[in-house]
């Protein structure tokens, strides 16, 4: 939740709107995450914050890749535009490593 709260502050987004999900924890089934996202018809945009291994698996699933192709470390960010949520299909927009984010903050 710490990373989500940092981004919420930076984007002037209400912390009360942050939703916690066990589907972002290590060992969670990636397809279950996308099925859960598909249930929320009200959200046009979603930020996902999770552990590195889970995040990289989710990104891979969004592109129908059999294996992860990113190695985001702590505080890295990737932006995807989902064309379809379940089954997932996405367009890659950008990726920022924690090192790049630290430099941008200076």
N, C-alpha and C. Protein backbone atom coordinates (compact mmCIF):
# COMPACT_ATOMS: atom_id res chain seq x y z
N UNK A 1 0.82 -1.19 0.00
CA UNK A 1 0.00 0.00 0.00
C UNK A 1 0.86 1.26 0.00
N UNK A 2 2.10 1.16 0.45
CA UNK A 2 2.93 2.36 0.54
C UNK A 2 3.12 3.01 -0.82
N UNK A 3 3.44 2.23 -1.83
CA UNK A 3 3.66 2.78 -3.17
C UNK A 3 2.38 3.41 -3.71
N UNK A 4 1.26 2.76 -3.51
CA UNK A 4 -0.03 3.30 -3.97
C UNK A 4 -0.31 4.64 -3.29
N UNK A 5 0.00 4.75 -2.02
CA UNK A 5 -0.24 6.00 -1.30
C UNK A 5 0.69 7.11 -1.77
N UNK A 6 1.92 6.79 -2.11
CA UNK A 6 2.86 7.78 -2.65
C UNK A 6 2.33 8.33 -3.97
N UNK A 7 1.87 7.44 -4.84
CA UNK A 7 1.32 7.87 -6.13
C UNK A 7 0.02 8.65 -5.93
N UNK A 8 -0.78 8.24 -4.99
CA UNK A 8 -2.04 8.96 -4.71
C UNK A 8 -1.74 10.39 -4.30
N UNK A 9 -0.74 10.58 -3.45
CA UNK A 9 -0.35 11.93 -3.04
C UNK A 9 0.14 12.74 -4.23
N UNK A 10 0.99 12.14 -5.05
CA UNK A 10 1.56 12.85 -6.20
C UNK A 10 0.50 13.22 -7.23
N UNK A 11 -0.53 12.39 -7.36
CA UNK A 11 -1.57 12.62 -8.37
C UNK A 11 -2.82 13.28 -7.79
N UNK A 12 -2.76 13.68 -6.52
CA UNK A 12 -3.90 14.28 -5.84
C UNK A 12 -5.14 13.39 -5.94
N UNK A 13 -4.92 12.12 -5.64
CA UNK A 13 -5.97 11.09 -5.70
C UNK A 13 -6.33 10.69 -4.27
N UNK A 14 -7.58 10.57 -3.97
CA UNK A 14 -8.03 10.23 -2.62
C UNK A 14 -7.53 8.85 -2.19
N UNK A 15 -6.87 8.79 -1.04
CA UNK A 15 -6.39 7.51 -0.51
C UNK A 15 -7.55 6.58 -0.17
N UNK A 16 -8.73 7.14 0.10
CA UNK A 16 -9.90 6.32 0.42
C UNK A 16 -10.37 5.50 -0.80
N UNK A 17 -9.96 5.91 -1.99
CA UNK A 17 -10.35 5.18 -3.20
C UNK A 17 -9.41 4.02 -3.52
N UNK A 18 -8.30 3.93 -2.79
CA UNK A 18 -7.35 2.84 -3.01
C UNK A 18 -7.98 1.53 -2.56
N UNK A 19 -7.96 0.55 -3.43
CA UNK A 19 -8.54 -0.75 -3.13
C UNK A 19 -7.42 -1.79 -2.99
N UNK A 20 -7.45 -2.51 -1.92
CA UNK A 20 -6.44 -3.55 -1.65
C UNK A 20 -6.96 -4.88 -2.19
N UNK A 21 -6.06 -5.66 -2.79
CA UNK A 21 -6.46 -6.96 -3.32
C UNK A 21 -5.38 -8.00 -3.06
N UNK A 22 -5.80 -9.15 -2.56
CA UNK A 22 -4.87 -10.26 -2.37
C UNK A 22 -4.40 -10.82 -3.71
N UNK A 23 -5.07 -10.43 -4.79
CA UNK A 23 -4.70 -10.91 -6.13
C UNK A 23 -3.41 -10.27 -6.64
N UNK A 24 -2.87 -9.31 -5.88
CA UNK A 24 -1.59 -8.70 -6.24
C UNK A 24 -0.43 -9.24 -5.39
N UNK A 25 -0.75 -10.16 -4.50
CA UNK A 25 0.28 -10.75 -3.64
C UNK A 25 1.02 -11.87 -4.36
N UNK A 26 2.26 -12.15 -3.95
CA UNK A 26 3.01 -13.25 -4.56
C UNK A 26 2.22 -14.56 -4.48
N UNK A 27 2.23 -15.29 -5.56
CA UNK A 27 1.54 -16.57 -5.63
C UNK A 27 0.11 -16.48 -6.14
N UNK A 28 -0.40 -15.27 -6.29
CA UNK A 28 -1.78 -15.11 -6.78
C UNK A 28 -1.85 -15.47 -8.27
N UNK A 29 -2.99 -15.95 -8.67
CA UNK A 29 -3.22 -16.34 -10.06
C UNK A 29 -3.48 -15.09 -10.90
N UNK A 30 -2.64 -14.87 -11.91
CA UNK A 30 -2.75 -13.68 -12.74
C UNK A 30 -4.09 -13.58 -13.45
N UNK A 31 -4.61 -14.67 -13.93
CA UNK A 31 -5.90 -14.63 -14.64
C UNK A 31 -7.03 -14.20 -13.71
N UNK A 32 -6.92 -14.54 -12.42
CA UNK A 32 -7.94 -14.13 -11.45
C UNK A 32 -7.91 -12.61 -11.26
N UNK A 33 -6.72 -12.01 -11.31
CA UNK A 33 -6.59 -10.55 -11.21
C UNK A 33 -7.35 -9.87 -12.36
N UNK A 34 -7.15 -10.35 -13.58
CA UNK A 34 -7.82 -9.74 -14.72
C UNK A 34 -9.33 -9.99 -14.71
N UNK A 35 -9.75 -11.14 -14.22
CA UNK A 35 -11.19 -11.39 -14.09
C UNK A 35 -11.80 -10.42 -13.07
N UNK A 36 -11.07 -10.17 -11.98
CA UNK A 36 -11.55 -9.23 -10.97
C UNK A 36 -11.63 -7.81 -11.53
N UNK A 37 -10.63 -7.40 -12.30
CA UNK A 37 -10.65 -6.07 -12.92
C UNK A 37 -11.81 -5.93 -13.89
N UNK A 38 -12.14 -6.99 -14.60
CA UNK A 38 -13.23 -6.95 -15.57
C UNK A 38 -14.58 -6.69 -14.91
N UNK A 39 -14.72 -7.03 -13.65
CA UNK A 39 -15.98 -6.82 -12.93
C UNK A 39 -16.27 -5.34 -12.67
N UNK A 40 -15.23 -4.52 -12.62
CA UNK A 40 -15.40 -3.10 -12.31
C UNK A 40 -15.66 -2.32 -13.59
N UNK A 41 -16.90 -2.12 -13.90
CA UNK A 41 -17.30 -1.44 -15.14
C UNK A 41 -17.20 0.08 -15.03
N UNK A 42 -17.04 0.61 -13.81
CA UNK A 42 -17.02 2.05 -13.59
C UNK A 42 -15.65 2.69 -13.84
N UNK A 43 -14.59 1.93 -13.74
CA UNK A 43 -13.24 2.50 -13.82
C UNK A 43 -12.73 2.54 -15.25
N UNK A 44 -12.32 3.73 -15.67
CA UNK A 44 -11.72 3.89 -16.99
C UNK A 44 -10.22 3.65 -16.92
N UNK A 45 -9.61 3.94 -15.75
CA UNK A 45 -8.18 3.77 -15.56
C UNK A 45 -7.92 3.07 -14.23
N UNK A 46 -6.90 2.24 -14.21
CA UNK A 46 -6.55 1.52 -12.99
C UNK A 46 -5.04 1.51 -12.86
N UNK A 47 -4.54 1.81 -11.68
CA UNK A 47 -3.13 1.65 -11.36
C UNK A 47 -3.00 0.40 -10.50
N UNK A 48 -2.06 -0.45 -10.83
CA UNK A 48 -1.81 -1.65 -10.03
C UNK A 48 -0.44 -1.53 -9.39
N UNK A 49 -0.38 -1.77 -8.10
CA UNK A 49 0.88 -1.75 -7.36
C UNK A 49 1.01 -3.09 -6.67
N UNK A 50 2.11 -3.75 -6.91
CA UNK A 50 2.28 -5.06 -6.29
C UNK A 50 3.75 -5.41 -6.19
N UNK A 51 3.99 -6.61 -5.77
CA UNK A 51 5.36 -7.10 -5.66
C UNK A 51 5.92 -7.37 -7.05
N UNK A 52 7.23 -7.23 -7.15
CA UNK A 52 7.89 -7.31 -8.46
C UNK A 52 7.52 -8.57 -9.24
N UNK A 53 7.60 -9.72 -8.62
CA UNK A 53 7.34 -10.96 -9.35
C UNK A 53 5.89 -11.00 -9.87
N UNK A 54 4.95 -10.62 -9.04
CA UNK A 54 3.55 -10.62 -9.43
C UNK A 54 3.30 -9.61 -10.54
N UNK A 55 3.89 -8.42 -10.43
CA UNK A 55 3.72 -7.39 -11.45
C UNK A 55 4.26 -7.85 -12.79
N UNK A 56 5.45 -8.42 -12.81
CA UNK A 56 6.03 -8.85 -14.08
C UNK A 56 5.20 -9.98 -14.71
N UNK A 57 4.64 -10.85 -13.89
CA UNK A 57 3.76 -11.90 -14.43
C UNK A 57 2.47 -11.31 -14.99
N UNK A 58 1.93 -10.28 -14.32
CA UNK A 58 0.72 -9.63 -14.81
C UNK A 58 0.97 -8.94 -16.14
N UNK A 59 2.12 -8.25 -16.26
CA UNK A 59 2.46 -7.60 -17.52
C UNK A 59 2.57 -8.63 -18.64
N UNK A 60 3.24 -9.73 -18.35
CA UNK A 60 3.40 -10.78 -19.36
C UNK A 60 2.04 -11.32 -19.80
N UNK A 61 1.15 -11.54 -18.85
CA UNK A 61 -0.19 -12.05 -19.17
C UNK A 61 -0.96 -11.07 -20.04
N UNK A 62 -0.79 -9.77 -19.80
CA UNK A 62 -1.49 -8.75 -20.59
C UNK A 62 -1.08 -8.77 -22.05
N UNK A 63 0.10 -9.32 -22.34
CA UNK A 63 0.59 -9.41 -23.71
C UNK A 63 0.58 -10.84 -24.24
N UNK A 64 -0.07 -11.73 -23.51
CA UNK A 64 -0.13 -13.14 -23.86
C UNK A 64 1.26 -13.76 -24.01
N UNK A 65 2.23 -13.23 -23.24
CA UNK A 65 3.58 -13.77 -23.25
C UNK A 65 3.64 -14.95 -22.28
N UNK A 66 4.38 -15.97 -22.66
CA UNK A 66 4.48 -17.15 -21.80
C UNK A 66 5.40 -16.93 -20.61
N UNK A 67 6.31 -15.97 -20.74
CA UNK A 67 7.27 -15.70 -19.67
C UNK A 67 7.38 -14.18 -19.47
N UNK A 68 7.71 -13.75 -18.25
CA UNK A 68 7.90 -12.31 -17.99
C UNK A 68 9.00 -11.74 -18.88
N UNK A 69 8.82 -10.50 -19.32
CA UNK A 69 9.82 -9.85 -20.16
C UNK A 69 10.29 -8.53 -19.56
N UNK A 70 9.83 -8.21 -18.35
CA UNK A 70 10.31 -7.04 -17.63
C UNK A 70 10.89 -7.51 -16.31
N UNK A 71 11.71 -6.69 -15.73
CA UNK A 71 12.27 -6.99 -14.41
C UNK A 71 12.18 -5.73 -13.57
N UNK A 72 10.97 -5.33 -13.27
CA UNK A 72 10.78 -4.12 -12.46
C UNK A 72 11.22 -4.37 -11.03
N UNK A 73 12.04 -3.48 -10.54
CA UNK A 73 12.46 -3.54 -9.15
C UNK A 73 11.49 -2.73 -8.31
N UNK A 74 11.80 -2.59 -7.05
CA UNK A 74 10.96 -1.81 -6.14
C UNK A 74 10.77 -0.39 -6.69
N UNK A 75 9.52 0.04 -6.76
CA UNK A 75 9.12 1.38 -7.19
C UNK A 75 9.22 1.61 -8.68
N UNK A 76 9.41 0.58 -9.48
CA UNK A 76 9.35 0.74 -10.92
C UNK A 76 7.89 0.83 -11.36
N UNK A 77 7.66 1.44 -12.52
CA UNK A 77 6.31 1.65 -13.00
C UNK A 77 6.24 1.31 -14.49
N UNK A 78 5.16 0.67 -14.89
CA UNK A 78 4.91 0.43 -16.31
C UNK A 78 3.49 0.83 -16.62
N UNK A 79 3.29 1.40 -17.78
CA UNK A 79 1.95 1.81 -18.21
C UNK A 79 1.53 0.95 -19.40
N UNK A 80 0.35 0.38 -19.28
CA UNK A 80 -0.22 -0.43 -20.33
C UNK A 80 -1.61 0.10 -20.65
N UNK A 81 -2.01 0.00 -21.89
CA UNK A 81 -3.40 0.31 -22.23
C UNK A 81 -4.05 -1.01 -22.59
N UNK A 82 -4.99 -1.41 -21.74
CA UNK A 82 -5.66 -2.68 -21.97
C UNK A 82 -6.73 -2.51 -23.04
N UNK A 83 -6.62 -3.32 -24.07
CA UNK A 83 -7.62 -3.34 -25.13
C UNK A 83 -8.80 -4.20 -24.69
N UNK A 84 -8.46 -5.22 -23.93
CA UNK A 84 -9.46 -6.14 -23.38
C UNK A 84 -8.92 -6.59 -22.03
N UNK A 85 -9.82 -6.71 -21.05
CA UNK A 85 -9.35 -7.07 -19.71
C UNK A 85 -9.31 -8.58 -19.50
N UNK A 86 -10.36 -9.27 -19.92
CA UNK A 86 -10.39 -10.71 -19.69
C UNK A 86 -10.96 -11.44 -20.91
N UNK A 87 -10.13 -12.26 -21.57
CA UNK A 87 -8.69 -12.44 -21.33
C UNK A 87 -7.93 -11.17 -21.71
N UNK A 88 -6.82 -10.90 -21.02
CA UNK A 88 -6.12 -9.64 -21.22
C UNK A 88 -5.45 -9.51 -22.58
N UNK A 89 -5.50 -8.30 -23.09
CA UNK A 89 -4.80 -7.93 -24.32
C UNK A 89 -4.42 -6.46 -24.16
N UNK A 90 -3.13 -6.14 -24.30
CA UNK A 90 -2.68 -4.79 -23.99
C UNK A 90 -1.72 -4.23 -25.03
N UNK A 91 -1.59 -2.90 -24.96
CA UNK A 91 -0.59 -2.17 -25.72
C UNK A 91 0.37 -1.57 -24.70
N UNK A 92 1.66 -1.73 -24.93
CA UNK A 92 2.67 -1.19 -24.03
C UNK A 92 2.82 0.30 -24.29
N UNK A 93 2.76 1.12 -23.23
CA UNK A 93 2.91 2.57 -23.38
C UNK A 93 4.29 3.05 -22.94
N UNK A 94 4.68 2.75 -21.70
CA UNK A 94 5.99 3.16 -21.22
C UNK A 94 6.37 2.40 -19.96
N UNK A 95 7.67 2.48 -19.62
CA UNK A 95 8.21 1.83 -18.43
C UNK A 95 9.22 2.78 -17.81
N UNK A 96 9.20 2.93 -16.50
CA UNK A 96 10.16 3.77 -15.79
C UNK A 96 10.72 2.98 -14.61
N UNK A 97 12.02 2.84 -14.58
CA UNK A 97 12.67 2.15 -13.47
C UNK A 97 12.75 3.08 -12.27
N UNK A 98 13.02 2.52 -11.10
CA UNK A 98 13.14 3.35 -9.90
C UNK A 98 14.29 4.35 -10.05
N UNK A 99 15.34 3.96 -10.72
CA UNK A 99 16.48 4.86 -10.95
C UNK A 99 16.04 6.08 -11.78
N UNK A 100 15.29 5.84 -12.83
CA UNK A 100 14.80 6.93 -13.67
C UNK A 100 13.85 7.85 -12.88
N UNK A 101 13.00 7.26 -12.07
CA UNK A 101 12.07 8.05 -11.26
C UNK A 101 12.80 8.92 -10.24
N UNK A 102 13.86 8.38 -9.64
CA UNK A 102 14.65 9.16 -8.69
C UNK A 102 15.31 10.35 -9.39
N UNK A 103 15.84 10.12 -10.60
CA UNK A 103 16.47 11.20 -11.35
C UNK A 103 15.45 12.26 -11.75
N UNK A 104 14.26 11.84 -12.12
CA UNK A 104 13.22 12.79 -12.53
C UNK A 104 12.75 13.64 -11.36
N UNK A 105 12.85 13.13 -10.15
CA UNK A 105 12.41 13.86 -8.98
C UNK A 105 13.36 14.98 -8.58
N UNK A 106 14.58 14.95 -9.10
CA UNK A 106 15.58 15.96 -8.73
C UNK A 106 15.36 17.26 -9.48
